[in-house]
Amino acid sequence: KIYPEILKELKRRRIIKAGDVIYADRGYYSYDNYVISVREFKIVPLIFPMKNCNFNKLFNMLRCPLKIFDSKRNTQRDIKFYKEIIAKFKELISKWKEFRSIRSIIEDVFKLAKKAYSIEDLHRYTRSSVQKYCSLAVLLVGITVNYGIKGRKELQALSE
C-alpha cells in the first residue's frame, strides 16, 4: 500500500522522472505495483519477483492506459514511449537474477540504518514523528555512505 505513496513523493520531489528505473525489494512485489509504476508514473520497476511470479500474466497486464487516447495528446508519441518502457521492463525483469549484487548492497544499507541508527526498534506513534525520525536516519546513512564508506566490507562492519 505504501509503494504508490513513495513514488508520488519521489515524483513530487523530482527525484524520479519518466523512463527511470526503480529497484525495489521483494517486499513491494505485487502485480499492481508493476502496473502502477508503468501506467501512472511511467517508470520501469525492477521489483524482485517472488518464485511463483507468472510473467505471462504480468506482461499481459502492462498496457497503455486509456487516458493517452485523449484527442489533445500526441497519441503516437505516448504509445511509443509506453512501448519503450514495457520493452525495457521485460528485458530487465527477465534477467533480474543478475541484479542480486545491487539487492545485496540495498540490504546492507538498510542493515546500517536499522542497526547503527536505531530504526529497527522504532518506538514512535504518530506519522509525523516516524517521518522525522526516519528522515534523520536516512540523512545520516547518506552522509555515512557518501563521506565515510568506501566499500561493502566497511559498510557491513559498521552496521554490525
N, C-alpha and C. Protein backbone atom coordinates (compact mmCIF):
# COMPACT_ATOMS: atom_id res chain seq x y z
N LYS A 1 0.81 -1.21 0.00
CA LYS A 1 0.00 0.00 0.00
C LYS A 1 0.85 1.26 0.00
N ILE A 2 2.05 1.17 0.52
CA ILE A 2 2.88 2.36 0.64
C ILE A 2 3.65 2.67 -0.65
N TYR A 3 3.78 1.70 -1.53
CA TYR A 3 4.56 1.87 -2.75
C TYR A 3 4.10 3.06 -3.60
N PRO A 4 2.79 3.19 -3.90
CA PRO A 4 2.37 4.36 -4.69
C PRO A 4 2.65 5.69 -3.97
N GLU A 5 2.55 5.70 -2.65
CA GLU A 5 2.85 6.92 -1.89
C GLU A 5 4.33 7.28 -2.02
N ILE A 6 5.19 6.27 -1.98
CA ILE A 6 6.63 6.51 -2.14
C ILE A 6 6.90 7.10 -3.52
N LEU A 7 6.29 6.51 -4.55
CA LEU A 7 6.50 7.01 -5.91
C LEU A 7 5.97 8.43 -6.07
N LYS A 8 4.82 8.73 -5.48
CA LYS A 8 4.27 10.10 -5.55
C LYS A 8 5.24 11.10 -4.94
N GLU A 9 5.79 10.74 -3.79
CA GLU A 9 6.73 11.64 -3.11
C GLU A 9 8.02 11.81 -3.91
N LEU A 10 8.52 10.73 -4.47
CA LEU A 10 9.73 10.82 -5.29
C LEU A 10 9.49 11.67 -6.54
N LYS A 11 8.31 11.53 -7.11
CA LYS A 11 7.97 12.34 -8.29
C LYS A 11 7.79 13.80 -7.90
N ARG A 12 7.12 14.05 -6.79
CA ARG A 12 6.90 15.41 -6.33
C ARG A 12 8.22 16.14 -6.07
N ARG A 13 9.18 15.41 -5.53
CA ARG A 13 10.49 15.99 -5.24
C ARG A 13 11.42 15.99 -6.45
N ARG A 14 10.90 15.51 -7.57
CA ARG A 14 11.66 15.44 -8.83
C ARG A 14 12.90 14.55 -8.72
N ILE A 15 12.79 13.51 -7.92
CA ILE A 15 13.86 12.53 -7.79
C ILE A 15 13.75 11.49 -8.90
N ILE A 16 12.51 11.15 -9.26
CA ILE A 16 12.31 10.25 -10.40
C ILE A 16 11.59 11.01 -11.50
N LYS A 17 11.84 10.56 -12.72
CA LYS A 17 11.15 11.14 -13.87
C LYS A 17 10.80 10.00 -14.83
N ALA A 18 10.00 10.30 -15.80
CA ALA A 18 9.55 9.28 -16.75
C ALA A 18 10.74 8.59 -17.40
N GLY A 19 10.68 7.26 -17.43
CA GLY A 19 11.73 6.47 -18.05
C GLY A 19 12.78 5.95 -17.09
N ASP A 20 12.79 6.43 -15.85
CA ASP A 20 13.77 5.97 -14.86
C ASP A 20 13.49 4.53 -14.45
N VAL A 21 14.52 3.87 -13.94
CA VAL A 21 14.39 2.51 -13.42
C VAL A 21 14.43 2.59 -11.89
N ILE A 22 13.47 1.94 -11.24
CA ILE A 22 13.40 1.88 -9.78
C ILE A 22 13.70 0.45 -9.36
N TYR A 23 14.67 0.29 -8.47
CA TYR A 23 14.98 -1.03 -7.91
C TYR A 23 14.26 -1.14 -6.58
N ALA A 24 13.54 -2.24 -6.39
CA ALA A 24 12.81 -2.43 -5.15
C ALA A 24 12.93 -3.88 -4.67
N ASP A 25 12.81 -4.04 -3.39
CA ASP A 25 12.93 -5.34 -2.75
C ASP A 25 11.65 -6.15 -2.96
N ARG A 26 11.73 -7.42 -2.62
CA ARG A 26 10.57 -8.30 -2.75
C ARG A 26 9.38 -7.86 -1.90
N GLY A 27 9.62 -7.07 -0.90
CA GLY A 27 8.52 -6.60 -0.06
C GLY A 27 7.49 -5.79 -0.83
N TYR A 28 7.88 -5.25 -1.97
CA TYR A 28 6.98 -4.44 -2.80
C TYR A 28 6.40 -5.24 -3.95
N TYR A 29 6.67 -6.56 -3.96
CA TYR A 29 6.18 -7.40 -5.05
C TYR A 29 4.67 -7.47 -5.04
N SER A 30 4.10 -7.11 -6.16
CA SER A 30 2.67 -7.22 -6.40
C SER A 30 2.46 -6.86 -7.86
N TYR A 31 1.57 -7.58 -8.53
CA TYR A 31 1.28 -7.25 -9.92
C TYR A 31 0.82 -5.80 -10.04
N ASP A 32 0.03 -5.35 -9.07
CA ASP A 32 -0.48 -3.98 -9.10
C ASP A 32 0.65 -2.96 -9.04
N ASN A 33 1.68 -3.23 -8.25
CA ASN A 33 2.79 -2.28 -8.16
C ASN A 33 3.55 -2.15 -9.47
N TYR A 34 3.69 -3.26 -10.18
CA TYR A 34 4.31 -3.18 -11.51
C TYR A 34 3.46 -2.30 -12.44
N VAL A 35 2.16 -2.55 -12.44
CA VAL A 35 1.25 -1.83 -13.32
C VAL A 35 1.20 -0.35 -12.96
N ILE A 36 1.10 -0.03 -11.69
CA ILE A 36 1.08 1.36 -11.24
C ILE A 36 2.34 2.09 -11.68
N SER A 37 3.48 1.42 -11.54
CA SER A 37 4.75 2.04 -11.92
C SER A 37 4.75 2.44 -13.39
N VAL A 38 4.30 1.53 -14.24
CA VAL A 38 4.33 1.80 -15.68
C VAL A 38 3.22 2.77 -16.08
N ARG A 39 2.00 2.49 -15.69
CA ARG A 39 0.87 3.30 -16.16
C ARG A 39 0.82 4.71 -15.57
N GLU A 40 0.97 4.82 -14.27
CA GLU A 40 0.79 6.12 -13.63
C GLU A 40 2.06 6.95 -13.56
N PHE A 41 3.20 6.29 -13.35
CA PHE A 41 4.44 7.03 -13.12
C PHE A 41 5.42 6.94 -14.29
N LYS A 42 5.10 6.11 -15.28
CA LYS A 42 5.93 5.95 -16.48
C LYS A 42 7.38 5.61 -16.14
N ILE A 43 7.56 4.73 -15.18
CA ILE A 43 8.90 4.28 -14.79
C ILE A 43 9.01 2.78 -14.98
N VAL A 44 10.23 2.30 -15.01
CA VAL A 44 10.50 0.87 -15.16
C VAL A 44 10.75 0.30 -13.76
N PRO A 45 9.83 -0.54 -13.26
CA PRO A 45 10.00 -1.08 -11.91
C PRO A 45 10.78 -2.39 -11.92
N LEU A 46 11.92 -2.41 -11.29
CA LEU A 46 12.65 -3.67 -11.13
C LEU A 46 12.42 -4.12 -9.69
N ILE A 47 11.22 -4.63 -9.46
CA ILE A 47 10.85 -5.18 -8.16
C ILE A 47 11.19 -6.67 -8.24
N PHE A 48 12.05 -7.12 -7.37
CA PHE A 48 12.48 -8.51 -7.44
C PHE A 48 11.28 -9.43 -7.25
N PRO A 49 11.04 -10.32 -8.23
CA PRO A 49 9.83 -11.15 -8.18
C PRO A 49 9.94 -12.31 -7.20
N MET A 50 8.78 -12.80 -6.81
CA MET A 50 8.70 -13.99 -5.98
C MET A 50 8.86 -15.22 -6.89
N LYS A 51 9.05 -16.36 -6.27
CA LYS A 51 9.26 -17.59 -7.04
C LYS A 51 8.04 -17.95 -7.88
N ASN A 52 6.86 -17.62 -7.40
CA ASN A 52 5.64 -18.01 -8.11
C ASN A 52 5.14 -16.93 -9.08
N CYS A 53 5.99 -16.02 -9.48
CA CYS A 53 5.60 -14.95 -10.39
C CYS A 53 5.26 -15.52 -11.76
N ASN A 54 4.09 -15.18 -12.26
CA ASN A 54 3.66 -15.60 -13.59
C ASN A 54 3.95 -14.43 -14.55
N PHE A 55 5.07 -14.51 -15.24
CA PHE A 55 5.49 -13.41 -16.10
C PHE A 55 4.54 -13.17 -17.26
N ASN A 56 3.93 -14.22 -17.80
CA ASN A 56 2.96 -14.03 -18.88
C ASN A 56 1.77 -13.21 -18.41
N LYS A 57 1.27 -13.51 -17.23
CA LYS A 57 0.16 -12.75 -16.67
C LYS A 57 0.59 -11.30 -16.45
N LEU A 58 1.77 -11.10 -15.91
CA LEU A 58 2.29 -9.76 -15.64
C LEU A 58 2.44 -8.97 -16.94
N PHE A 59 3.03 -9.57 -17.96
CA PHE A 59 3.23 -8.86 -19.22
C PHE A 59 1.91 -8.51 -19.89
N ASN A 60 0.90 -9.37 -19.72
CA ASN A 60 -0.42 -9.08 -20.29
C ASN A 60 -1.12 -7.93 -19.57
N MET A 61 -0.76 -7.69 -18.33
CA MET A 61 -1.37 -6.59 -17.57
C MET A 61 -0.78 -5.23 -17.96
N LEU A 62 0.38 -5.24 -18.55
CA LEU A 62 1.07 -3.99 -18.89
C LEU A 62 0.62 -3.51 -20.27
N ARG A 63 -0.26 -2.58 -20.27
CA ARG A 63 -0.79 -1.98 -21.50
C ARG A 63 -0.78 -0.47 -21.35
N CYS A 64 -0.90 0.20 -22.45
CA CYS A 64 -1.00 1.66 -22.41
C CYS A 64 -2.31 2.05 -21.73
N PRO A 65 -2.28 3.06 -20.87
CA PRO A 65 -3.53 3.49 -20.23
C PRO A 65 -4.45 4.16 -21.24
N LEU A 66 -5.73 4.05 -21.01
CA LEU A 66 -6.71 4.62 -21.94
C LEU A 66 -6.65 6.14 -22.00
N LYS A 67 -6.17 6.78 -20.95
CA LYS A 67 -6.16 8.24 -20.92
C LYS A 67 -5.25 8.85 -21.98
N ILE A 68 -4.33 8.07 -22.55
CA ILE A 68 -3.45 8.65 -23.58
C ILE A 68 -4.16 8.81 -24.91
N PHE A 69 -5.34 8.25 -25.06
CA PHE A 69 -6.08 8.36 -26.31
C PHE A 69 -6.97 9.60 -26.34
N ASP A 70 -6.67 10.56 -25.50
CA ASP A 70 -7.36 11.84 -25.48
C ASP A 70 -6.98 12.60 -26.76
N SER A 71 -7.93 13.31 -27.34
CA SER A 71 -7.68 13.99 -28.62
C SER A 71 -6.66 15.12 -28.50
N LYS A 72 -6.40 15.60 -27.29
CA LYS A 72 -5.48 16.72 -27.09
C LYS A 72 -4.02 16.26 -27.01
N ARG A 73 -3.79 14.97 -27.00
CA ARG A 73 -2.44 14.44 -26.83
C ARG A 73 -1.84 13.99 -28.16
N ASN A 74 -0.54 13.84 -28.11
CA ASN A 74 0.18 13.23 -29.23
C ASN A 74 0.19 11.73 -28.94
N THR A 75 -0.85 11.05 -29.36
CA THR A 75 -1.08 9.65 -29.01
C THR A 75 0.04 8.74 -29.49
N GLN A 76 0.50 8.92 -30.70
CA GLN A 76 1.54 8.06 -31.25
C GLN A 76 2.83 8.14 -30.43
N ARG A 77 3.19 9.35 -30.03
CA ARG A 77 4.40 9.54 -29.22
C ARG A 77 4.24 8.85 -27.86
N ASP A 78 3.05 9.01 -27.25
CA ASP A 78 2.80 8.38 -25.94
C ASP A 78 2.81 6.86 -26.04
N ILE A 79 2.21 6.32 -27.09
CA ILE A 79 2.20 4.86 -27.27
C ILE A 79 3.62 4.35 -27.45
N LYS A 80 4.42 5.06 -28.23
CA LYS A 80 5.82 4.67 -28.45
C LYS A 80 6.58 4.69 -27.12
N PHE A 81 6.35 5.72 -26.30
CA PHE A 81 7.03 5.84 -25.02
C PHE A 81 6.67 4.67 -24.09
N TYR A 82 5.37 4.36 -23.98
CA TYR A 82 4.94 3.23 -23.15
C TYR A 82 5.51 1.92 -23.65
N LYS A 83 5.54 1.74 -24.96
CA LYS A 83 6.12 0.50 -25.52
C LYS A 83 7.60 0.39 -25.17
N GLU A 84 8.31 1.51 -25.19
CA GLU A 84 9.73 1.51 -24.82
C GLU A 84 9.91 1.13 -23.34
N ILE A 85 9.07 1.70 -22.47
CA ILE A 85 9.14 1.39 -21.04
C ILE A 85 8.85 -0.09 -20.80
N ILE A 86 7.81 -0.60 -21.46
CA ILE A 86 7.43 -2.00 -21.29
C ILE A 86 8.52 -2.92 -21.83
N ALA A 87 9.12 -2.57 -22.95
CA ALA A 87 10.20 -3.39 -23.51
C ALA A 87 11.41 -3.39 -22.58
N LYS A 88 11.74 -2.23 -22.03
CA LYS A 88 12.86 -2.14 -21.09
C LYS A 88 12.57 -2.96 -19.83
N PHE A 89 11.32 -2.89 -19.36
CA PHE A 89 10.91 -3.68 -18.20
C PHE A 89 11.06 -5.17 -18.47
N LYS A 90 10.56 -5.62 -19.61
CA LYS A 90 10.64 -7.05 -19.96
C LYS A 90 12.09 -7.50 -20.03
N GLU A 91 12.94 -6.66 -20.59
CA GLU A 91 14.35 -7.00 -20.70
C GLU A 91 15.00 -7.14 -19.32
N LEU A 92 14.74 -6.17 -18.44
CA LEU A 92 15.37 -6.18 -17.11
C LEU A 92 14.81 -7.27 -16.21
N ILE A 93 13.50 -7.45 -16.22
CA ILE A 93 12.89 -8.42 -15.31
C ILE A 93 13.24 -9.85 -15.73
N SER A 94 13.51 -10.07 -17.01
CA SER A 94 13.87 -11.41 -17.45
C SER A 94 15.26 -11.81 -16.95
N LYS A 95 16.11 -10.83 -16.66
CA LYS A 95 17.43 -11.15 -16.13
C LYS A 95 17.64 -10.53 -14.73
N TRP A 96 16.59 -10.58 -13.93
CA TRP A 96 16.64 -9.96 -12.61
C TRP A 96 17.68 -10.59 -11.69
N LYS A 97 18.02 -11.85 -11.92
CA LYS A 97 19.00 -12.52 -11.06
C LYS A 97 20.37 -11.88 -11.15
N GLU A 98 20.65 -11.22 -12.27
CA GLU A 98 21.92 -10.52 -12.43
C GLU A 98 22.04 -9.30 -11.52
N PHE A 99 20.91 -8.84 -11.00
CA PHE A 99 20.88 -7.65 -10.15
C PHE A 99 20.94 -7.98 -8.66
N ARG A 100 21.24 -9.22 -8.34
CA ARG A 100 21.32 -9.61 -6.92
C ARG A 100 22.38 -8.84 -6.17
N SER A 101 23.46 -8.47 -6.84
CA SER A 101 24.52 -7.71 -6.16
C SER A 101 24.00 -6.34 -5.73
N ILE A 102 23.15 -5.73 -6.56
CA ILE A 102 22.55 -4.44 -6.19
C ILE A 102 21.63 -4.65 -5.00
N ARG A 103 20.85 -5.72 -5.04
CA ARG A 103 19.95 -6.02 -3.92
C ARG A 103 20.74 -6.22 -2.64
N SER A 104 21.88 -6.86 -2.74
CA SER A 104 22.72 -7.09 -1.58
C SER A 104 23.20 -5.77 -0.99
N ILE A 105 23.58 -4.84 -1.84
CA ILE A 105 24.01 -3.52 -1.36
C ILE A 105 22.86 -2.79 -0.69
N ILE A 106 21.68 -2.88 -1.29
CA ILE A 106 20.49 -2.26 -0.70
C ILE A 106 20.25 -2.83 0.70
N GLU A 107 20.34 -4.15 0.82
CA GLU A 107 20.15 -4.81 2.12
C GLU A 107 21.20 -4.34 3.13
N ASP A 108 22.45 -4.17 2.69
CA ASP A 108 23.50 -3.69 3.59
C ASP A 108 23.22 -2.27 4.07
N VAL A 109 22.72 -1.43 3.17
CA VAL A 109 22.38 -0.05 3.57
C VAL A 109 21.24 -0.05 4.58
N PHE A 110 20.22 -0.88 4.33
CA PHE A 110 19.11 -0.96 5.28
C PHE A 110 19.57 -1.52 6.63
N LYS A 111 20.49 -2.47 6.58
CA LYS A 111 21.02 -3.02 7.82
C LYS A 111 21.77 -1.95 8.60
N LEU A 112 22.50 -1.10 7.89
CA LEU A 112 23.19 0.03 8.52
C LEU A 112 22.17 0.96 9.19
N ALA A 113 21.10 1.27 8.48
CA ALA A 113 20.08 2.16 9.04
C ALA A 113 19.41 1.54 10.27
N LYS A 114 19.12 0.25 10.19
CA LYS A 114 18.43 -0.42 11.29
C LYS A 114 19.32 -0.58 12.52
N LYS A 115 20.53 -1.02 12.30
CA LYS A 115 21.41 -1.33 13.44
C LYS A 115 22.13 -0.09 13.98
N ALA A 116 22.82 0.63 13.09
CA ALA A 116 23.67 1.74 13.55
C ALA A 116 22.85 2.97 13.93
N TYR A 117 21.73 3.19 13.26
CA TYR A 117 20.95 4.39 13.52
C TYR A 117 19.59 4.10 14.14
N SER A 118 19.45 2.94 14.73
CA SER A 118 18.33 2.56 15.61
C SER A 118 16.94 2.67 14.99
N ILE A 119 16.80 2.34 13.75
CA ILE A 119 15.46 2.32 13.15
C ILE A 119 14.77 1.00 13.44
N GLU A 120 15.54 -0.02 13.78
CA GLU A 120 14.97 -1.35 14.00
C GLU A 120 13.93 -1.34 15.12
N ASP A 121 14.22 -0.66 16.20
CA ASP A 121 13.28 -0.57 17.33
C ASP A 121 12.68 0.83 17.36
N LEU A 122 11.85 1.08 16.39
CA LEU A 122 11.26 2.40 16.23
C LEU A 122 10.03 2.53 17.13
N HIS A 123 10.16 3.29 18.19
CA HIS A 123 9.05 3.48 19.13
C HIS A 123 8.48 4.89 18.95
N ARG A 124 7.79 5.07 17.84
CA ARG A 124 7.14 6.32 17.52
C ARG A 124 5.69 5.98 17.22
N TYR A 125 4.80 6.91 17.54
CA TYR A 125 3.39 6.56 17.45
C TYR A 125 2.58 7.47 16.54
N THR A 126 3.19 8.51 16.01
CA THR A 126 2.49 9.36 15.06
C THR A 126 3.25 9.35 13.75
N ARG A 127 2.53 9.60 12.68
CA ARG A 127 3.14 9.59 11.35
C ARG A 127 4.24 10.65 11.25
N SER A 128 3.99 11.84 11.76
CA SER A 128 4.99 12.91 11.65
C SER A 128 6.25 12.57 12.47
N SER A 129 6.07 11.94 13.62
CA SER A 129 7.21 11.55 14.44
C SER A 129 8.06 10.49 13.73
N VAL A 130 7.40 9.51 13.13
CA VAL A 130 8.11 8.48 12.38
C VAL A 130 8.83 9.11 11.19
N GLN A 131 8.15 10.02 10.52
CA GLN A 131 8.74 10.67 9.35
C GLN A 131 9.99 11.46 9.72
N LYS A 132 9.95 12.18 10.81
CA LYS A 132 11.11 12.97 11.26
C LYS A 132 12.26 12.04 11.65
N TYR A 133 11.96 11.01 12.41
CA TYR A 133 12.98 10.10 12.89
C TYR A 133 13.64 9.35 11.72
N CYS A 134 12.82 8.86 10.81
CA CYS A 134 13.34 8.13 9.66
C CYS A 134 14.11 9.06 8.71
N SER A 135 13.63 10.28 8.55
CA SER A 135 14.34 11.24 7.70
C SER A 135 15.73 11.52 8.24
N LEU A 136 15.83 11.66 9.55
CA LEU A 136 17.14 11.87 10.17
C LEU A 136 18.04 10.66 9.94
N ALA A 137 17.50 9.48 10.11
CA ALA A 137 18.29 8.26 9.90
C ALA A 137 18.75 8.15 8.45
N VAL A 138 17.86 8.47 7.51
CA VAL A 138 18.23 8.43 6.08
C VAL A 138 19.31 9.45 5.78
N LEU A 139 19.21 10.63 6.37
CA LEU A 139 20.24 11.64 6.20
C LEU A 139 21.58 11.14 6.73
N LEU A 140 21.58 10.56 7.91
CA LEU A 140 22.81 10.04 8.50
C LEU A 140 23.41 8.90 7.67
N VAL A 141 22.55 8.02 7.16
CA VAL A 141 23.04 6.94 6.30
C VAL A 141 23.65 7.53 5.04
N GLY A 142 22.98 8.52 4.45
CA GLY A 142 23.51 9.17 3.25
C GLY A 142 24.86 9.81 3.49
N ILE A 143 25.00 10.50 4.61
CA ILE A 143 26.27 11.14 4.95
C ILE A 143 27.35 10.08 5.18
N THR A 144 26.99 9.03 5.89
CA THR A 144 27.95 7.96 6.18
C THR A 144 28.44 7.31 4.89
N VAL A 145 27.52 6.97 4.02
CA VAL A 145 27.88 6.30 2.78
C VAL A 145 28.65 7.25 1.86
N ASN A 146 28.23 8.50 1.80
CA ASN A 146 28.85 9.46 0.89
C ASN A 146 30.26 9.85 1.32
N TYR A 147 30.47 10.00 2.61
CA TYR A 147 31.76 10.52 3.08
C TYR A 147 32.65 9.51 3.81
N GLY A 148 32.06 8.45 4.31
CA GLY A 148 32.86 7.58 5.15
C GLY A 148 33.09 6.18 4.65
N ILE A 149 32.17 5.63 3.89
CA ILE A 149 32.24 4.24 3.49
C ILE A 149 32.76 4.15 2.05
N LYS A 150 33.80 3.36 1.87
CA LYS A 150 34.38 3.23 0.54
C LYS A 150 34.15 1.84 -0.05
N GLY A 151 33.68 0.91 0.72
CA GLY A 151 33.46 -0.44 0.20
C GLY A 151 32.39 -1.19 0.98
N ARG A 152 32.00 -2.33 0.43
CA ARG A 152 30.94 -3.14 1.06
C ARG A 152 31.36 -3.70 2.40
N LYS A 153 32.62 -4.08 2.53
CA LYS A 153 33.08 -4.67 3.79
C LYS A 153 33.01 -3.64 4.91
N GLU A 154 33.36 -2.39 4.61
CA GLU A 154 33.26 -1.33 5.63
C GLU A 154 31.81 -1.09 6.02
N LEU A 155 30.92 -1.12 5.02
CA LEU A 155 29.50 -0.93 5.29
C LEU A 155 28.96 -2.03 6.18
N GLN A 156 29.33 -3.27 5.89
CA GLN A 156 28.87 -4.40 6.70
C GLN A 156 29.45 -4.34 8.11
N ALA A 157 30.72 -3.95 8.23
CA ALA A 157 31.36 -3.86 9.55
C ALA A 157 30.70 -2.78 10.40
N LEU A 158 30.41 -1.65 9.80
CA LEU A 158 29.78 -0.55 10.54
C LEU A 158 28.37 -0.91 11.00
N SER A 159 27.64 -1.66 10.18
CA SER A 159 26.28 -2.00 10.56
C SER A 159 26.23 -3.05 11.65
N GLU A 160 27.32 -3.77 11.86
CA GLU A 160 27.34 -4.77 12.92
C GLU A 160 27.93 -4.16 14.14
